[in-house]
Amino acid sequence: MGIWISLLILAVVGLGLKIAKLQHQVNQRLTKEELEEALALFLHDIKKDNEIVIDAFHQQLNRTNEKQSTSVDVKTDTTRSTEKQPELNRDQVVDRIRTYQRNGHHAADIAKTLKIGIREVELIQHVNKQNQNN
């Protein structure tokens, strides 16, 4: 009977150790799961913050572009309303395009100033360049 009691005590101690080991593993898993969940929430919050910053940046960029286009439109409209340019013949247009180009103006600026299409300015510039090369 002493052997049975010893075996029973040994079995209970063995089961206790196994239960303690399993409990420790469960606690570690919970800790790992909690850590993973916390990291996932943290990453989610970072993504939200990044999206907010990116949206704010794009809004600021759009506002800056709108201000620039508004100031250009106001200047252009003011020029058009105060200065009435007489109709120019083709030779005068070509001469003015050459002059503006020599002074460093871009095709878009020349087109706005002369109130003609940008493609027309570019075509005349191209023909002038071809004539200079020949």
Protein backbone atom coordinates (compact mmCIF):
# COMPACT_ATOMS: atom_id res chain seq x y z
CA MET A 1 0.00 0.00 0.00
CA GLY A 2 2.88 2.34 0.61
CA ILE A 3 3.93 1.86 -2.99
CA TRP A 4 0.46 2.80 -4.21
CA ILE A 5 0.45 5.93 -2.14
CA SER A 6 3.91 6.80 -3.42
CA LEU A 7 2.81 6.21 -7.00
CA LEU A 8 -0.35 8.25 -6.45
CA ILE A 9 1.65 11.11 -4.93
CA LEU A 10 4.12 10.89 -7.79
CA ALA A 11 1.27 10.96 -10.35
CA VAL A 12 -0.37 13.97 -8.64
CA VAL A 13 2.95 15.83 -8.56
CA GLY A 14 3.58 14.94 -12.22
CA LEU A 15 0.09 16.18 -13.19
CA GLY A 16 0.66 19.33 -11.14
CA LEU A 17 3.90 20.00 -13.01
CA LYS A 18 2.23 19.39 -16.36
CA ILE A 19 -0.64 21.71 -15.39
CA ALA A 20 1.83 24.39 -14.29
CA LYS A 21 3.75 24.01 -17.55
CA LEU A 22 0.53 24.24 -19.61
CA GLN A 23 -0.59 27.27 -17.58
CA HIS A 24 2.74 28.96 -18.28
CA GLN A 25 2.40 28.23 -22.01
CA VAL A 26 -1.16 29.61 -22.01
CA ASN A 27 0.06 32.76 -20.26
CA GLN A 28 2.85 33.15 -22.82
CA ARG A 29 0.40 32.71 -25.69
CA LEU A 30 -1.91 35.29 -24.23
CA THR A 31 1.01 37.61 -23.81
CA LYS A 32 2.11 37.03 -27.40
CA GLU A 33 -1.45 37.47 -28.67
CA GLU A 34 -1.88 40.63 -26.63
CA LEU A 35 1.44 41.92 -27.93
CA GLU A 36 0.49 41.14 -31.53
CA GLU A 37 -2.89 42.81 -31.03
CA ALA A 38 -1.25 45.88 -29.50
CA LEU A 39 1.22 46.07 -32.39
CA ALA A 40 -1.59 45.70 -34.91
CA LEU A 41 -3.50 48.56 -33.26
CA PHE A 42 -0.34 50.66 -33.15
CA LEU A 43 0.29 50.08 -36.86
CA HIS A 44 -3.33 50.90 -37.63
CA ASP A 45 -3.02 54.18 -35.71
CA ILE A 46 0.22 55.04 -37.53
CA LYS A 47 -1.47 54.40 -40.88
CA LYS A 48 -4.35 56.69 -39.93
CA ASP A 49 -1.93 59.41 -38.83
CA ASN A 50 0.04 59.05 -42.07
CA GLU A 51 -3.13 59.34 -44.12
CA ILE A 52 -4.11 62.49 -42.21
CA VAL A 53 -0.66 64.02 -42.83
CA ILE A 54 -0.75 63.08 -46.52
CA ASP A 55 -4.27 64.51 -46.92
CA ALA A 56 -3.21 67.74 -45.19
CA PHE A 57 -0.16 67.95 -47.48
CA HIS A 58 -2.29 67.47 -50.60
CA GLN A 59 -4.81 70.07 -49.41
CA GLN A 60 -2.02 72.57 -48.78
CA LEU A 61 -0.52 71.81 -52.18
CA ASN A 62 -3.92 72.30 -53.86
CA ARG A 63 -4.45 75.59 -52.01
CA THR A 64 -1.01 76.79 -53.12
CA ASN A 65 -1.74 75.82 -56.73
CA GLU A 66 -5.15 77.52 -56.58
CA LYS A 67 -3.59 80.71 -55.20
CA GLN A 68 -0.98 80.71 -57.94
CA SER A 69 -3.52 80.09 -60.70
CA THR A 70 -5.86 82.71 -59.22
CA SER A 71 -3.10 85.32 -59.12
CA VAL A 72 -2.13 84.53 -62.72
CA ASP A 73 -5.77 84.71 -63.84
CA VAL A 74 -6.29 88.03 -62.07
CA LYS A 75 -3.18 89.50 -63.68
CA THR A 76 -4.20 88.20 -67.08
CA ASP A 77 -7.77 89.46 -66.75
CA THR A 78 -6.56 92.88 -65.58
CA THR A 79 -4.21 93.13 -68.54
CA ARG A 80 -6.92 92.16 -70.96
CA SER A 81 -9.44 94.60 -69.58
CA THR A 82 -7.12 97.63 -69.37
CA GLU A 83 -5.05 97.12 -72.51
CA LYS A 84 -6.80 96.62 -75.80
CA GLN A 85 -4.28 95.47 -78.31
CA PRO A 86 -4.92 96.25 -81.95
CA GLU A 87 -5.26 93.39 -84.39
CA LEU A 88 -1.84 92.25 -85.54
CA ASN A 89 -1.05 90.90 -88.96
CA ARG A 90 0.95 87.69 -89.33
CA ASP A 91 4.31 89.42 -89.78
CA GLN A 92 3.79 91.49 -86.64
CA VAL A 93 2.84 88.38 -84.67
CA VAL A 94 5.95 86.56 -85.88
CA ASP A 95 8.14 89.57 -85.02
CA ARG A 96 6.67 89.83 -81.53
CA ILE A 97 7.10 86.10 -80.91
CA ARG A 98 10.76 86.40 -81.92
CA THR A 99 11.22 89.39 -79.61
CA TYR A 100 9.54 87.72 -76.63
CA GLN A 101 11.51 84.54 -77.24
CA ARG A 102 14.81 86.44 -77.34
CA ASN A 103 13.84 88.06 -74.02
CA GLY A 104 13.44 84.61 -72.46
CA HIS A 105 9.64 84.29 -72.47
CA HIS A 106 8.11 80.82 -72.72
CA ALA A 107 5.56 79.82 -75.35
CA ALA A 108 2.67 79.83 -72.84
CA ASP A 109 3.49 83.38 -71.71
CA ILE A 110 3.80 84.59 -75.29
CA ALA A 111 0.47 82.99 -76.22
CA LYS A 112 -1.30 84.68 -73.31
CA THR A 113 0.25 88.04 -74.07
CA LEU A 114 -0.59 87.92 -77.77
CA LYS A 115 -3.93 86.19 -77.17
CA ILE A 116 -3.19 83.36 -79.56
CA GLY A 117 -2.92 79.62 -79.13
CA ILE A 118 0.16 78.08 -77.55
CA ARG A 119 0.47 75.60 -80.44
CA GLU A 120 0.53 78.51 -82.87
CA VAL A 121 3.39 80.10 -80.91
CA GLU A 122 5.27 76.79 -80.79
CA LEU A 123 4.79 76.26 -84.52
CA ILE A 124 6.09 79.74 -85.35
CA GLN A 125 9.06 79.20 -83.01
CA HIS A 126 9.78 75.88 -84.72
CA VAL A 127 9.64 77.46 -88.20
CA ASN A 128 11.90 80.33 -87.01
CA LYS A 129 14.39 77.79 -85.69
CA GLN A 130 14.30 75.86 -88.97
CA ASN A 131 14.90 79.07 -90.93
CA GLN A 132 17.84 80.01 -88.70
CA ASN A 133 19.45 76.59 -89.21
CA ASN A 134 19.20 76.87 -93.03
